[in-house]
Amino acid sequence: MSFAVHLIARGRVQGVWFRAGTQEHALQLGVCGWAKNFPDGSVEMYAEGEKDALDRFIIWCGNGPPAARVSALDIEWVTPQGLNTFEIRY
């Protein structure tokens, strides 16, 4: 069974390799979706896959790469879209 989650990471999350790190981690976990910078300095993410993989993905997003400082992570469980890769959106 596939699950999906919509996330918004706030804090020092742009210019610190957050989207690329998110993509790399998602691919390691077998998670599909995307990551995108918001004009307000946050990073929006959508991910779908197995529940255990998404739980681990959410934990990573709450910390981000070493240079990031995540001050808040908004989490909303949503309906899967049936994606087959993880991409960085611009």
N, C-alpha and C. Protein backbone atom coordinates (compact mmCIF):
# COMPACT_ATOMS: atom_id res chain seq x y z
N MET A 1 0.84 -1.18 0.00
CA MET A 1 0.00 0.00 0.00
C MET A 1 0.88 1.24 0.00
N SER A 2 0.50 2.21 -0.80
CA SER A 2 1.27 3.44 -0.91
C SER A 2 0.62 4.56 -0.11
N PHE A 3 1.46 5.37 0.50
CA PHE A 3 1.03 6.53 1.27
C PHE A 3 1.69 7.76 0.67
N ALA A 4 1.21 8.95 1.04
CA ALA A 4 1.81 10.18 0.54
C ALA A 4 1.77 11.26 1.61
N VAL A 5 2.76 12.14 1.56
CA VAL A 5 2.86 13.21 2.54
C VAL A 5 3.30 14.50 1.85
N HIS A 6 2.72 15.61 2.30
CA HIS A 6 3.10 16.94 1.83
C HIS A 6 3.80 17.62 2.99
N LEU A 7 5.00 18.15 2.74
CA LEU A 7 5.82 18.75 3.80
C LEU A 7 6.24 20.15 3.43
N ILE A 8 6.39 21.00 4.43
CA ILE A 8 7.02 22.31 4.24
C ILE A 8 8.04 22.48 5.36
N ALA A 9 9.31 22.61 4.96
CA ALA A 9 10.39 22.82 5.92
C ALA A 9 10.69 24.31 6.00
N ARG A 10 10.76 24.82 7.23
CA ARG A 10 11.05 26.24 7.45
C ARG A 10 12.34 26.37 8.24
N GLY A 11 12.97 27.52 8.11
CA GLY A 11 14.23 27.77 8.79
C GLY A 11 15.31 28.06 7.77
N ARG A 12 16.52 27.64 8.07
CA ARG A 12 17.63 27.81 7.12
C ARG A 12 17.68 26.58 6.23
N VAL A 13 16.85 26.60 5.18
CA VAL A 13 16.69 25.42 4.33
C VAL A 13 16.96 25.69 2.85
N GLN A 14 17.26 26.92 2.49
CA GLN A 14 17.63 27.21 1.10
C GLN A 14 19.11 27.58 1.06
N GLY A 15 19.77 27.16 -0.02
CA GLY A 15 21.19 27.44 -0.18
C GLY A 15 22.07 26.54 0.66
N VAL A 16 21.52 25.43 1.14
CA VAL A 16 22.28 24.51 2.00
C VAL A 16 22.21 23.07 1.48
N TRP A 17 21.87 22.91 0.18
CA TRP A 17 21.80 21.59 -0.45
C TRP A 17 20.60 20.80 0.05
N PHE A 18 19.54 21.49 0.49
CA PHE A 18 18.37 20.80 1.04
C PHE A 18 17.62 20.01 -0.02
N ARG A 19 17.30 20.63 -1.16
CA ARG A 19 16.53 19.91 -2.19
C ARG A 19 17.31 18.73 -2.75
N ALA A 20 18.59 18.93 -3.03
CA ALA A 20 19.40 17.84 -3.58
C ALA A 20 19.57 16.72 -2.56
N GLY A 21 19.76 17.09 -1.30
CA GLY A 21 19.87 16.09 -0.25
C GLY A 21 18.56 15.32 -0.07
N THR A 22 17.45 16.05 -0.19
CA THR A 22 16.14 15.42 -0.09
C THR A 22 15.96 14.41 -1.21
N GLN A 23 16.33 14.80 -2.42
CA GLN A 23 16.22 13.89 -3.56
C GLN A 23 17.09 12.66 -3.36
N GLU A 24 18.32 12.86 -2.94
CA GLU A 24 19.23 11.74 -2.73
C GLU A 24 18.69 10.77 -1.67
N HIS A 25 18.21 11.31 -0.58
CA HIS A 25 17.68 10.47 0.50
C HIS A 25 16.41 9.75 0.05
N ALA A 26 15.53 10.45 -0.67
CA ALA A 26 14.30 9.83 -1.18
C ALA A 26 14.62 8.65 -2.08
N LEU A 27 15.58 8.82 -2.98
CA LEU A 27 15.93 7.74 -3.90
C LEU A 27 16.51 6.54 -3.15
N GLN A 28 17.28 6.80 -2.09
CA GLN A 28 17.82 5.70 -1.28
C GLN A 28 16.70 4.92 -0.59
N LEU A 29 15.62 5.64 -0.21
CA LEU A 29 14.51 5.01 0.49
C LEU A 29 13.45 4.42 -0.45
N GLY A 30 13.58 4.68 -1.75
CA GLY A 30 12.57 4.22 -2.69
C GLY A 30 11.32 5.08 -2.67
N VAL A 31 11.47 6.35 -2.32
CA VAL A 31 10.36 7.30 -2.23
C VAL A 31 10.32 8.15 -3.49
N CYS A 32 9.14 8.38 -4.02
CA CYS A 32 8.95 9.23 -5.21
C CYS A 32 8.34 10.56 -4.78
N GLY A 33 8.50 11.59 -5.62
CA GLY A 33 7.91 12.89 -5.32
C GLY A 33 8.72 14.03 -5.87
N TRP A 34 8.78 15.13 -5.13
CA TRP A 34 9.50 16.32 -5.59
C TRP A 34 9.81 17.25 -4.42
N ALA A 35 10.75 18.17 -4.65
CA ALA A 35 11.10 19.20 -3.69
C ALA A 35 11.23 20.51 -4.45
N LYS A 36 10.78 21.62 -3.82
CA LYS A 36 10.75 22.91 -4.50
C LYS A 36 10.96 24.04 -3.49
N ASN A 37 11.77 25.03 -3.84
CA ASN A 37 11.94 26.21 -3.00
C ASN A 37 10.72 27.11 -3.10
N PHE A 38 10.33 27.68 -1.98
CA PHE A 38 9.27 28.70 -1.94
C PHE A 38 9.93 30.08 -1.85
N PRO A 39 9.29 31.11 -2.40
CA PRO A 39 9.86 32.46 -2.32
C PRO A 39 10.07 32.94 -0.88
N ASP A 40 9.32 32.40 0.09
CA ASP A 40 9.46 32.86 1.48
C ASP A 40 10.65 32.23 2.20
N GLY A 41 11.45 31.42 1.49
CA GLY A 41 12.63 30.81 2.08
C GLY A 41 12.43 29.39 2.57
N SER A 42 11.21 28.88 2.49
CA SER A 42 10.94 27.51 2.91
C SER A 42 11.12 26.55 1.73
N VAL A 43 11.07 25.26 2.01
CA VAL A 43 11.15 24.23 0.98
C VAL A 43 9.89 23.37 1.09
N GLU A 44 9.18 23.23 -0.03
CA GLU A 44 7.98 22.39 -0.10
C GLU A 44 8.37 21.04 -0.68
N MET A 45 7.82 19.97 -0.11
CA MET A 45 8.11 18.63 -0.61
C MET A 45 6.84 17.80 -0.65
N TYR A 46 6.80 16.92 -1.62
CA TYR A 46 5.73 15.93 -1.71
C TYR A 46 6.43 14.59 -1.89
N ALA A 47 5.99 13.59 -1.13
CA ALA A 47 6.64 12.28 -1.23
C ALA A 47 5.60 11.18 -1.08
N GLU A 48 5.81 10.09 -1.80
CA GLU A 48 4.92 8.95 -1.68
C GLU A 48 5.72 7.66 -1.73
N GLY A 49 5.19 6.66 -1.03
CA GLY A 49 5.86 5.37 -0.96
C GLY A 49 5.32 4.57 0.20
N GLU A 50 6.09 3.60 0.64
CA GLU A 50 5.70 2.77 1.79
C GLU A 50 5.75 3.61 3.06
N LYS A 51 4.88 3.28 4.02
CA LYS A 51 4.76 4.07 5.25
C LYS A 51 6.09 4.15 6.00
N ASP A 52 6.79 3.03 6.14
CA ASP A 52 8.05 3.03 6.88
C ASP A 52 9.08 3.93 6.20
N ALA A 53 9.17 3.88 4.87
CA ALA A 53 10.10 4.73 4.14
C ALA A 53 9.74 6.20 4.31
N LEU A 54 8.45 6.51 4.27
CA LEU A 54 8.03 7.91 4.45
C LEU A 54 8.31 8.39 5.87
N ASP A 55 8.13 7.54 6.85
CA ASP A 55 8.46 7.92 8.23
C ASP A 55 9.94 8.29 8.34
N ARG A 56 10.81 7.51 7.72
CA ARG A 56 12.25 7.80 7.75
C ARG A 56 12.56 9.06 6.93
N PHE A 57 11.85 9.26 5.82
CA PHE A 57 12.02 10.47 5.00
C PHE A 57 11.64 11.71 5.81
N ILE A 58 10.54 11.65 6.54
CA ILE A 58 10.08 12.78 7.35
C ILE A 58 11.13 13.11 8.42
N ILE A 59 11.69 12.11 9.05
CA ILE A 59 12.73 12.34 10.06
C ILE A 59 13.91 13.07 9.43
N TRP A 60 14.33 12.62 8.24
CA TRP A 60 15.46 13.29 7.57
C TRP A 60 15.09 14.75 7.26
N CYS A 61 13.89 14.98 6.76
CA CYS A 61 13.48 16.34 6.41
C CYS A 61 13.40 17.25 7.63
N GLY A 62 13.15 16.69 8.79
CA GLY A 62 13.12 17.47 10.01
C GLY A 62 14.49 17.94 10.46
N ASN A 63 15.53 17.33 9.90
CA ASN A 63 16.92 17.70 10.20
C ASN A 63 17.60 18.32 8.99
N GLY A 64 17.40 17.73 7.82
CA GLY A 64 18.03 18.21 6.59
C GLY A 64 19.51 17.90 6.56
N PRO A 65 20.21 18.45 5.57
CA PRO A 65 21.65 18.25 5.46
C PRO A 65 22.38 19.00 6.58
N PRO A 66 23.67 18.74 6.77
CA PRO A 66 24.40 19.32 7.89
C PRO A 66 24.32 20.85 8.01
N ALA A 67 24.30 21.58 6.91
CA ALA A 67 24.29 23.05 6.98
C ALA A 67 22.89 23.63 7.24
N ALA A 68 21.87 22.81 7.16
CA ALA A 68 20.50 23.29 7.35
C ALA A 68 20.17 23.43 8.84
N ARG A 69 19.22 24.30 9.11
CA ARG A 69 18.66 24.45 10.46
C ARG A 69 17.15 24.51 10.30
N VAL A 70 16.49 23.37 10.45
CA VAL A 70 15.03 23.30 10.29
C VAL A 70 14.38 23.75 11.60
N SER A 71 13.61 24.85 11.53
CA SER A 71 12.95 25.37 12.73
C SER A 71 11.53 24.83 12.85
N ALA A 72 10.93 24.41 11.73
CA ALA A 72 9.58 23.84 11.73
C ALA A 72 9.40 22.96 10.51
N LEU A 73 8.62 21.90 10.67
CA LEU A 73 8.29 21.02 9.56
C LEU A 73 6.79 20.76 9.60
N ASP A 74 6.08 21.31 8.62
CA ASP A 74 4.64 21.08 8.49
C ASP A 74 4.44 19.75 7.79
N ILE A 75 3.57 18.90 8.32
CA ILE A 75 3.34 17.56 7.78
C ILE A 75 1.85 17.37 7.55
N GLU A 76 1.50 16.97 6.33
CA GLU A 76 0.10 16.67 6.00
C GLU A 76 0.05 15.40 5.17
N TRP A 77 -0.64 14.38 5.66
CA TRP A 77 -0.81 13.14 4.90
C TRP A 77 -1.87 13.39 3.83
N VAL A 78 -1.57 13.01 2.59
CA VAL A 78 -2.45 13.29 1.45
C VAL A 78 -2.62 12.02 0.61
N THR A 79 -3.40 12.13 -0.45
CA THR A 79 -3.65 11.00 -1.36
C THR A 79 -2.49 10.86 -2.34
N PRO A 80 -1.96 9.63 -2.53
CA PRO A 80 -0.87 9.41 -3.48
C PRO A 80 -1.28 9.76 -4.91
N GLN A 81 -0.32 10.26 -5.69
CA GLN A 81 -0.55 10.65 -7.08
C GLN A 81 -0.04 9.61 -8.08
N GLY A 82 0.73 8.64 -7.61
CA GLY A 82 1.25 7.61 -8.50
C GLY A 82 2.51 8.03 -9.25
N LEU A 83 3.39 8.80 -8.61
CA LEU A 83 4.63 9.24 -9.25
C LEU A 83 5.63 8.08 -9.30
N ASN A 84 6.64 8.20 -10.18
CA ASN A 84 7.60 7.11 -10.31
C ASN A 84 9.05 7.56 -10.18
N THR A 85 9.30 8.81 -9.75
CA THR A 85 10.65 9.29 -9.54
C THR A 85 10.60 10.43 -8.53
N PHE A 86 11.76 10.91 -8.12
CA PHE A 86 11.82 12.08 -7.24
C PHE A 86 12.61 13.15 -7.96
N GLU A 87 12.00 14.32 -8.12
CA GLU A 87 12.64 15.39 -8.88
C GLU A 87 12.74 16.68 -8.07
N ILE A 88 13.66 17.52 -8.49
CA ILE A 88 13.78 18.86 -7.94
C ILE A 88 13.02 19.77 -8.89
N ARG A 89 12.09 20.53 -8.34
CA ARG A 89 11.29 21.46 -9.16
C ARG A 89 11.79 22.87 -8.96
N TYR A 90 11.63 23.66 -10.01
CA TYR A 90 12.09 25.06 -9.98
C TYR A 90 10.93 26.01 -10.20
